[in-house]
Amino acid sequence: MARSDRTRRAMKSDARAYLAKAEQFLAGMEAELAEERWDAAGLAAIHAGISAGDAVLGYHGGVRSIAQDHRATVDLLKRTMGSAADGAAKHLKRLIDKKNLVEYEQRRLTASEAADLAEQARRFLGWAREQLPRTTSG
């Protein structure tokens, strides 16, 4: 895939690191949900999705998005993965669509919104794991 000014080269070997970050954000999300910290849970869910997207893009496309608007990651994922990303891209888009609200607006995330973001993150990471080769630990 050709690089643009909004992407950077990524190696297949980078995918493991990005997925590890995504898993860490997901674990943090679960902990924040348990403590009823909805904003923190929502932001962790969003970052889990972004990192998982970078993992898939790095492995399959050799790129990752560096655009300030994270919706570019959704478009890049669709171009890179084609129809294999149809359902997954919707989960990532729902996560990214809430990023501005969670990070920058004064309105607090509700329990229901946090639960929805958590479910989108779980689904997207489930898909991302399936797109990457399994590795053995240590």
N, C-alpha and C. Protein backbone atom coordinates (compact mmCIF):
# COMPACT_ATOMS: atom_id res chain seq x y z
N MET A 1 0.84 -1.18 0.00
CA MET A 1 0.00 0.00 0.00
C MET A 1 0.88 1.23 0.00
N ALA A 2 0.57 2.20 -0.82
CA ALA A 2 1.35 3.42 -0.92
C ALA A 2 1.16 4.27 0.33
N ARG A 3 2.24 4.89 0.75
CA ARG A 3 2.18 5.77 1.91
C ARG A 3 1.71 7.15 1.48
N SER A 4 1.02 7.82 2.37
CA SER A 4 0.66 9.22 2.14
C SER A 4 1.25 10.03 3.27
N ASP A 5 1.04 11.33 3.22
CA ASP A 5 1.56 12.18 4.29
C ASP A 5 0.82 11.94 5.61
N ARG A 6 -0.27 11.20 5.60
CA ARG A 6 -1.02 10.93 6.82
C ARG A 6 -0.79 9.51 7.33
N THR A 7 0.17 8.82 6.78
CA THR A 7 0.52 7.48 7.26
C THR A 7 2.02 7.39 7.49
N ARG A 8 2.39 6.44 8.28
CA ARG A 8 3.80 6.12 8.48
C ARG A 8 3.97 4.63 8.27
N ARG A 9 5.14 4.27 7.85
CA ARG A 9 5.44 2.86 7.65
C ARG A 9 5.40 2.13 8.99
N ALA A 10 4.90 0.94 8.95
CA ALA A 10 4.88 0.07 10.13
C ALA A 10 5.30 -1.32 9.68
N MET A 11 6.00 -1.98 10.52
CA MET A 11 6.49 -3.32 10.21
C MET A 11 5.53 -4.37 10.78
N LYS A 12 5.53 -5.53 10.17
CA LYS A 12 4.70 -6.62 10.71
C LYS A 12 5.05 -6.89 12.17
N SER A 13 6.33 -6.75 12.49
CA SER A 13 6.75 -6.99 13.87
C SER A 13 6.19 -5.96 14.85
N ASP A 14 5.79 -4.78 14.36
CA ASP A 14 5.18 -3.77 15.22
C ASP A 14 3.79 -4.19 15.69
N ALA A 15 3.15 -5.05 14.95
CA ALA A 15 1.77 -5.44 15.25
C ALA A 15 1.66 -6.02 16.66
N ARG A 16 2.62 -6.80 17.05
CA ARG A 16 2.57 -7.43 18.37
C ARG A 16 2.59 -6.37 19.48
N ALA A 17 3.43 -5.34 19.32
CA ALA A 17 3.50 -4.28 20.32
C ALA A 17 2.20 -3.48 20.38
N TYR A 18 1.64 -3.17 19.21
CA TYR A 18 0.37 -2.43 19.20
C TYR A 18 -0.75 -3.26 19.80
N LEU A 19 -0.77 -4.55 19.52
CA LEU A 19 -1.81 -5.39 20.11
C LEU A 19 -1.63 -5.50 21.62
N ALA A 20 -0.39 -5.57 22.08
CA ALA A 20 -0.14 -5.61 23.53
C ALA A 20 -0.65 -4.33 24.20
N LYS A 21 -0.43 -3.20 23.55
CA LYS A 21 -0.96 -1.94 24.08
C LYS A 21 -2.49 -1.98 24.12
N ALA A 22 -3.08 -2.49 23.06
CA ALA A 22 -4.54 -2.58 23.00
C ALA A 22 -5.07 -3.45 24.14
N GLU A 23 -4.41 -4.57 24.37
CA GLU A 23 -4.82 -5.48 25.45
C GLU A 23 -4.68 -4.79 26.81
N GLN A 24 -3.63 -4.01 26.97
CA GLN A 24 -3.42 -3.29 28.23
C GLN A 24 -4.52 -2.24 28.44
N PHE A 25 -4.84 -1.51 27.38
CA PHE A 25 -5.94 -0.55 27.48
C PHE A 25 -7.26 -1.25 27.79
N LEU A 26 -7.47 -2.41 27.19
CA LEU A 26 -8.71 -3.16 27.43
C LEU A 26 -8.79 -3.61 28.89
N ALA A 27 -7.68 -4.08 29.44
CA ALA A 27 -7.66 -4.47 30.85
C ALA A 27 -7.93 -3.27 31.75
N GLY A 28 -7.34 -2.13 31.40
CA GLY A 28 -7.61 -0.91 32.15
C GLY A 28 -9.07 -0.51 32.07
N MET A 29 -9.65 -0.66 30.90
CA MET A 29 -11.06 -0.36 30.70
C MET A 29 -11.92 -1.20 31.64
N GLU A 30 -11.62 -2.50 31.71
CA GLU A 30 -12.41 -3.39 32.57
C GLU A 30 -12.28 -2.97 34.04
N ALA A 31 -11.07 -2.60 34.45
CA ALA A 31 -10.86 -2.16 35.84
C ALA A 31 -11.62 -0.86 36.12
N GLU A 32 -11.60 0.07 35.18
CA GLU A 32 -12.32 1.33 35.37
C GLU A 32 -13.82 1.11 35.39
N LEU A 33 -14.32 0.20 34.58
CA LEU A 33 -15.75 -0.13 34.63
C LEU A 33 -16.13 -0.67 36.00
N ALA A 34 -15.30 -1.54 36.54
CA ALA A 34 -15.58 -2.13 37.85
C ALA A 34 -15.63 -1.07 38.95
N GLU A 35 -14.85 -0.01 38.78
CA GLU A 35 -14.82 1.08 39.76
C GLU A 35 -15.81 2.20 39.42
N GLU A 36 -16.59 1.99 38.37
CA GLU A 36 -17.60 2.96 37.92
C GLU A 36 -17.01 4.31 37.55
N ARG A 37 -15.82 4.28 36.97
CA ARG A 37 -15.18 5.49 36.45
C ARG A 37 -15.43 5.51 34.94
N TRP A 38 -16.58 6.03 34.57
CA TRP A 38 -17.07 5.92 33.20
C TRP A 38 -16.20 6.64 32.18
N ASP A 39 -15.73 7.84 32.51
CA ASP A 39 -14.89 8.58 31.56
C ASP A 39 -13.58 7.84 31.29
N ALA A 40 -12.95 7.37 32.35
CA ALA A 40 -11.69 6.64 32.20
C ALA A 40 -11.90 5.34 31.44
N ALA A 41 -13.00 4.66 31.73
CA ALA A 41 -13.30 3.41 31.02
C ALA A 41 -13.52 3.68 29.54
N GLY A 42 -14.27 4.74 29.24
CA GLY A 42 -14.53 5.09 27.85
C GLY A 42 -13.27 5.44 27.09
N LEU A 43 -12.40 6.23 27.71
CA LEU A 43 -11.17 6.61 27.03
C LEU A 43 -10.26 5.40 26.82
N ALA A 44 -10.20 4.51 27.81
CA ALA A 44 -9.40 3.30 27.64
C ALA A 44 -9.96 2.43 26.52
N ALA A 45 -11.27 2.36 26.41
CA ALA A 45 -11.90 1.59 25.32
C ALA A 45 -11.51 2.17 23.97
N ILE A 46 -11.57 3.48 23.86
CA ILE A 46 -11.22 4.16 22.60
C ILE A 46 -9.77 3.89 22.23
N HIS A 47 -8.88 4.04 23.20
CA HIS A 47 -7.46 3.82 22.91
C HIS A 47 -7.16 2.35 22.62
N ALA A 48 -7.90 1.45 23.23
CA ALA A 48 -7.75 0.03 22.90
C ALA A 48 -8.07 -0.20 21.44
N GLY A 49 -9.15 0.41 20.97
CA GLY A 49 -9.54 0.28 19.57
C GLY A 49 -8.52 0.86 18.62
N ILE A 50 -8.02 2.04 18.94
CA ILE A 50 -7.03 2.69 18.07
C ILE A 50 -5.76 1.84 17.98
N SER A 51 -5.28 1.35 19.12
CA SER A 51 -4.07 0.53 19.10
C SER A 51 -4.29 -0.79 18.37
N ALA A 52 -5.45 -1.39 18.54
CA ALA A 52 -5.76 -2.63 17.81
C ALA A 52 -5.81 -2.37 16.31
N GLY A 53 -6.37 -1.24 15.93
CA GLY A 53 -6.39 -0.86 14.51
C GLY A 53 -4.99 -0.71 13.96
N ASP A 54 -4.10 -0.08 14.75
CA ASP A 54 -2.71 0.06 14.32
C ASP A 54 -2.04 -1.30 14.16
N ALA A 55 -2.38 -2.24 15.04
CA ALA A 55 -1.81 -3.59 14.94
C ALA A 55 -2.20 -4.25 13.62
N VAL A 56 -3.48 -4.20 13.30
CA VAL A 56 -3.96 -4.83 12.06
C VAL A 56 -3.38 -4.13 10.84
N LEU A 57 -3.38 -2.81 10.86
CA LEU A 57 -2.85 -2.06 9.72
C LEU A 57 -1.36 -2.30 9.54
N GLY A 58 -0.63 -2.35 10.64
CA GLY A 58 0.80 -2.60 10.54
C GLY A 58 1.10 -3.96 9.96
N TYR A 59 0.34 -4.95 10.39
CA TYR A 59 0.60 -6.31 9.92
C TYR A 59 0.17 -6.51 8.47
N HIS A 60 -1.01 -6.06 8.14
CA HIS A 60 -1.56 -6.34 6.81
C HIS A 60 -1.25 -5.27 5.76
N GLY A 61 -1.04 -4.04 6.20
CA GLY A 61 -0.82 -2.96 5.24
C GLY A 61 0.55 -2.33 5.28
N GLY A 62 1.30 -2.62 6.33
CA GLY A 62 2.62 -2.02 6.47
C GLY A 62 2.57 -0.53 6.77
N VAL A 63 1.43 -0.06 7.26
CA VAL A 63 1.27 1.36 7.57
C VAL A 63 0.45 1.53 8.85
N ARG A 64 0.47 2.73 9.36
CA ARG A 64 -0.46 3.14 10.41
C ARG A 64 -0.79 4.60 10.15
N SER A 65 -1.96 5.00 10.54
CA SER A 65 -2.39 6.38 10.33
C SER A 65 -1.75 7.29 11.36
N ILE A 66 -1.34 8.46 10.91
CA ILE A 66 -0.88 9.49 11.84
C ILE A 66 -1.74 10.74 11.72
N ALA A 67 -2.87 10.61 11.05
CA ALA A 67 -3.78 11.75 10.90
C ALA A 67 -4.31 12.17 12.26
N GLN A 68 -4.49 13.46 12.46
CA GLN A 68 -5.04 13.94 13.73
C GLN A 68 -6.47 13.45 13.92
N ASP A 69 -7.20 13.32 12.85
CA ASP A 69 -8.56 12.80 12.91
C ASP A 69 -8.48 11.27 12.82
N HIS A 70 -8.78 10.62 13.92
CA HIS A 70 -8.64 9.17 13.98
C HIS A 70 -9.63 8.42 13.09
N ARG A 71 -10.62 9.13 12.55
CA ARG A 71 -11.52 8.47 11.60
C ARG A 71 -10.77 8.03 10.35
N ALA A 72 -9.62 8.64 10.10
CA ALA A 72 -8.80 8.22 8.96
C ALA A 72 -8.34 6.78 9.14
N THR A 73 -8.18 6.34 10.39
CA THR A 73 -7.80 4.96 10.66
C THR A 73 -8.89 4.01 10.18
N VAL A 74 -10.13 4.38 10.37
CA VAL A 74 -11.25 3.55 9.92
C VAL A 74 -11.21 3.40 8.40
N ASP A 75 -11.02 4.52 7.70
CA ASP A 75 -10.95 4.48 6.24
C ASP A 75 -9.77 3.65 5.76
N LEU A 76 -8.63 3.82 6.40
CA LEU A 76 -7.43 3.07 6.03
C LEU A 76 -7.63 1.58 6.28
N LEU A 77 -8.30 1.25 7.36
CA LEU A 77 -8.59 -0.15 7.67
C LEU A 77 -9.48 -0.77 6.59
N LYS A 78 -10.49 -0.03 6.15
CA LYS A 78 -11.37 -0.54 5.09
C LYS A 78 -10.61 -0.73 3.78
N ARG A 79 -9.74 0.22 3.44
CA ARG A 79 -8.97 0.09 2.20
C ARG A 79 -7.98 -1.07 2.28
N THR A 80 -7.39 -1.26 3.43
CA THR A 80 -6.38 -2.30 3.60
C THR A 80 -7.00 -3.69 3.66
N MET A 81 -8.08 -3.83 4.40
CA MET A 81 -8.65 -5.15 4.67
C MET A 81 -9.85 -5.49 3.79
N GLY A 82 -10.38 -4.53 3.07
CA GLY A 82 -11.52 -4.78 2.21
C GLY A 82 -12.74 -5.23 2.99
N SER A 83 -13.49 -6.14 2.40
CA SER A 83 -14.74 -6.58 3.02
C SER A 83 -14.51 -7.32 4.33
N ALA A 84 -13.30 -7.80 4.58
CA ALA A 84 -13.00 -8.48 5.84
C ALA A 84 -13.15 -7.54 7.03
N ALA A 85 -13.11 -6.23 6.76
CA ALA A 85 -13.19 -5.24 7.84
C ALA A 85 -14.57 -4.61 7.99
N ASP A 86 -15.53 -5.03 7.19
CA ASP A 86 -16.83 -4.35 7.19
C ASP A 86 -17.44 -4.20 8.59
N GLY A 87 -17.65 -5.29 9.27
CA GLY A 87 -18.26 -5.22 10.60
C GLY A 87 -17.35 -4.59 11.62
N ALA A 88 -16.08 -4.95 11.59
CA ALA A 88 -15.12 -4.44 12.56
C ALA A 88 -14.96 -2.94 12.45
N ALA A 89 -14.94 -2.43 11.24
CA ALA A 89 -14.77 -0.99 11.04
C ALA A 89 -15.90 -0.21 11.71
N LYS A 90 -17.08 -0.78 11.75
CA LYS A 90 -18.21 -0.12 12.42
C LYS A 90 -17.96 0.01 13.91
N HIS A 91 -17.37 -1.02 14.51
CA HIS A 91 -17.05 -0.97 15.94
C HIS A 91 -16.01 0.12 16.21
N LEU A 92 -14.97 0.15 15.39
CA LEU A 92 -13.93 1.16 15.57
C LEU A 92 -14.49 2.55 15.36
N LYS A 93 -15.33 2.72 14.37
CA LYS A 93 -15.94 4.03 14.11
C LYS A 93 -16.77 4.50 15.30
N ARG A 94 -17.52 3.60 15.90
CA ARG A 94 -18.34 3.98 17.07
C ARG A 94 -17.46 4.41 18.23
N LEU A 95 -16.31 3.77 18.38
CA LEU A 95 -15.37 4.18 19.42
C LEU A 95 -14.82 5.58 19.13
N ILE A 96 -14.32 5.76 17.93
CA ILE A 96 -13.68 7.02 17.57
C ILE A 96 -14.68 8.17 17.56
N ASP A 97 -15.91 7.90 17.20
CA ASP A 97 -16.93 8.95 17.19
C ASP A 97 -17.14 9.58 18.57
N LYS A 98 -16.81 8.86 19.62
CA LYS A 98 -16.99 9.38 20.99
C LYS A 98 -15.71 10.00 21.57
N LYS A 99 -14.62 9.93 20.83
CA LYS A 99 -13.33 10.39 21.37
C LYS A 99 -13.36 11.84 21.81
N ASN A 100 -13.87 12.72 20.98
CA ASN A 100 -13.90 14.14 21.32
C ASN A 100 -14.73 14.39 22.58
N LEU A 101 -15.88 13.75 22.66
CA LEU A 101 -16.74 13.89 23.84
C LEU A 101 -16.00 13.47 25.10
N VAL A 102 -15.40 12.31 25.06
CA VAL A 102 -14.76 11.76 26.26
C VAL A 102 -13.54 12.58 26.67
N GLU A 103 -12.73 12.98 25.71
CA GLU A 103 -11.48 13.66 26.04
C GLU A 103 -11.61 15.16 26.28
N TYR A 104 -12.47 15.82 25.56
CA TYR A 104 -12.40 17.28 25.54
C TYR A 104 -13.64 18.02 26.02
N GLU A 105 -14.78 17.39 26.04
CA GLU A 105 -15.99 18.10 26.44
C GLU A 105 -16.23 17.96 27.95
N GLN A 106 -16.95 18.93 28.50
CA GLN A 106 -17.19 18.92 29.94
C GLN A 106 -18.22 17.88 30.35
N ARG A 107 -19.06 17.45 29.42
CA ARG A 107 -20.09 16.46 29.76
C ARG A 107 -19.44 15.14 30.12
N ARG A 108 -19.92 14.54 31.18
CA ARG A 108 -19.39 13.26 31.65
C ARG A 108 -20.06 12.12 30.89
N LEU A 109 -19.33 11.07 30.71
CA LEU A 109 -19.86 9.86 30.08
C LEU A 109 -20.81 9.17 31.06
N THR A 110 -21.90 8.64 30.56
CA THR A 110 -22.83 7.91 31.42
C THR A 110 -22.40 6.44 31.51
N ALA A 111 -22.96 5.75 32.47
CA ALA A 111 -22.68 4.32 32.61
C ALA A 111 -23.06 3.57 31.34
N SER A 112 -24.19 3.93 30.77
CA SER A 112 -24.66 3.27 29.55
C SER A 112 -23.71 3.52 28.38
N GLU A 113 -23.24 4.76 28.24
CA GLU A 113 -22.30 5.07 27.16
C GLU A 113 -20.98 4.33 27.36
N ALA A 114 -20.51 4.28 28.60
CA ALA A 114 -19.26 3.57 28.88
C ALA A 114 -19.42 2.08 28.57
N ALA A 115 -20.56 1.51 28.93
CA ALA A 115 -20.81 0.10 28.64
C ALA A 115 -20.84 -0.16 27.14
N ASP A 116 -21.43 0.76 26.38
CA ASP A 116 -21.47 0.61 24.93
C ASP A 116 -20.07 0.69 24.33
N LEU A 117 -19.27 1.65 24.79
CA LEU A 117 -17.90 1.75 24.29
C LEU A 117 -17.10 0.50 24.64
N ALA A 118 -17.32 -0.01 25.84
CA ALA A 118 -16.62 -1.23 26.25
C ALA A 118 -16.97 -2.40 25.34
N GLU A 119 -18.23 -2.52 25.01
CA GLU A 119 -18.66 -3.62 24.13
C GLU A 119 -18.06 -3.45 22.74
N GLN A 120 -18.02 -2.23 22.23
CA GLN A 120 -17.42 -1.99 20.91
C GLN A 120 -15.94 -2.35 20.93
N ALA A 121 -15.25 -1.98 22.02
CA ALA A 121 -13.83 -2.30 22.13
C ALA A 121 -13.61 -3.81 22.20
N ARG A 122 -14.40 -4.50 23.00
CA ARG A 122 -14.26 -5.96 23.09
C ARG A 122 -14.47 -6.62 21.72
N ARG A 123 -15.48 -6.18 21.01
CA ARG A 123 -15.76 -6.77 19.69
C ARG A 123 -14.64 -6.46 18.70
N PHE A 124 -14.18 -5.21 18.70
CA PHE A 124 -13.13 -4.86 17.75
C PHE A 124 -11.84 -5.60 18.06
N LEU A 125 -11.47 -5.69 19.33
CA LEU A 125 -10.26 -6.42 19.67
C LEU A 125 -10.40 -7.90 19.36
N GLY A 126 -11.58 -8.46 19.54
CA GLY A 126 -11.79 -9.85 19.17
C GLY A 126 -11.51 -10.07 17.69
N TRP A 127 -11.99 -9.16 16.86
CA TRP A 127 -11.74 -9.24 15.42
C TRP A 127 -10.25 -9.04 15.14
N ALA A 128 -9.64 -8.05 15.77
CA ALA A 128 -8.22 -7.76 15.51
C ALA A 128 -7.35 -8.97 15.85
N ARG A 129 -7.64 -9.63 16.97
CA ARG A 129 -6.86 -10.82 17.34
C ARG A 129 -6.94 -11.88 16.25
N GLU A 130 -8.10 -12.02 15.64
CA GLU A 130 -8.28 -13.02 14.58
C GLU A 130 -7.51 -12.68 13.31
N GLN A 131 -7.16 -11.42 13.13
CA GLN A 131 -6.46 -10.99 11.93
C GLN A 131 -4.95 -11.14 12.03
N LEU A 132 -4.47 -11.41 13.22
CA LEU A 132 -3.03 -11.50 13.46
C LEU A 132 -2.64 -12.94 13.79
N PRO A 133 -1.43 -13.32 13.42
CA PRO A 133 -1.01 -14.69 13.73
C PRO A 133 -0.86 -14.88 15.23
N ARG A 134 -1.18 -16.05 15.67
CA ARG A 134 -0.99 -16.37 17.09
C ARG A 134 0.50 -16.55 17.35
N THR A 135 0.92 -16.07 18.51
CA THR A 135 2.32 -16.25 18.89
C THR A 135 2.35 -16.98 20.22
N THR A 136 3.45 -17.65 20.47
CA THR A 136 3.59 -18.34 21.74
C THR A 136 4.31 -17.43 22.71
N SER A 137 3.96 -17.53 23.97
CA SER A 137 4.57 -16.69 24.99
C SER A 137 5.94 -17.21 25.35
N GLY A 138 6.79 -16.23 25.75
CA GLY A 138 8.09 -16.43 26.32
C GLY A 138 8.86 -17.54 25.82
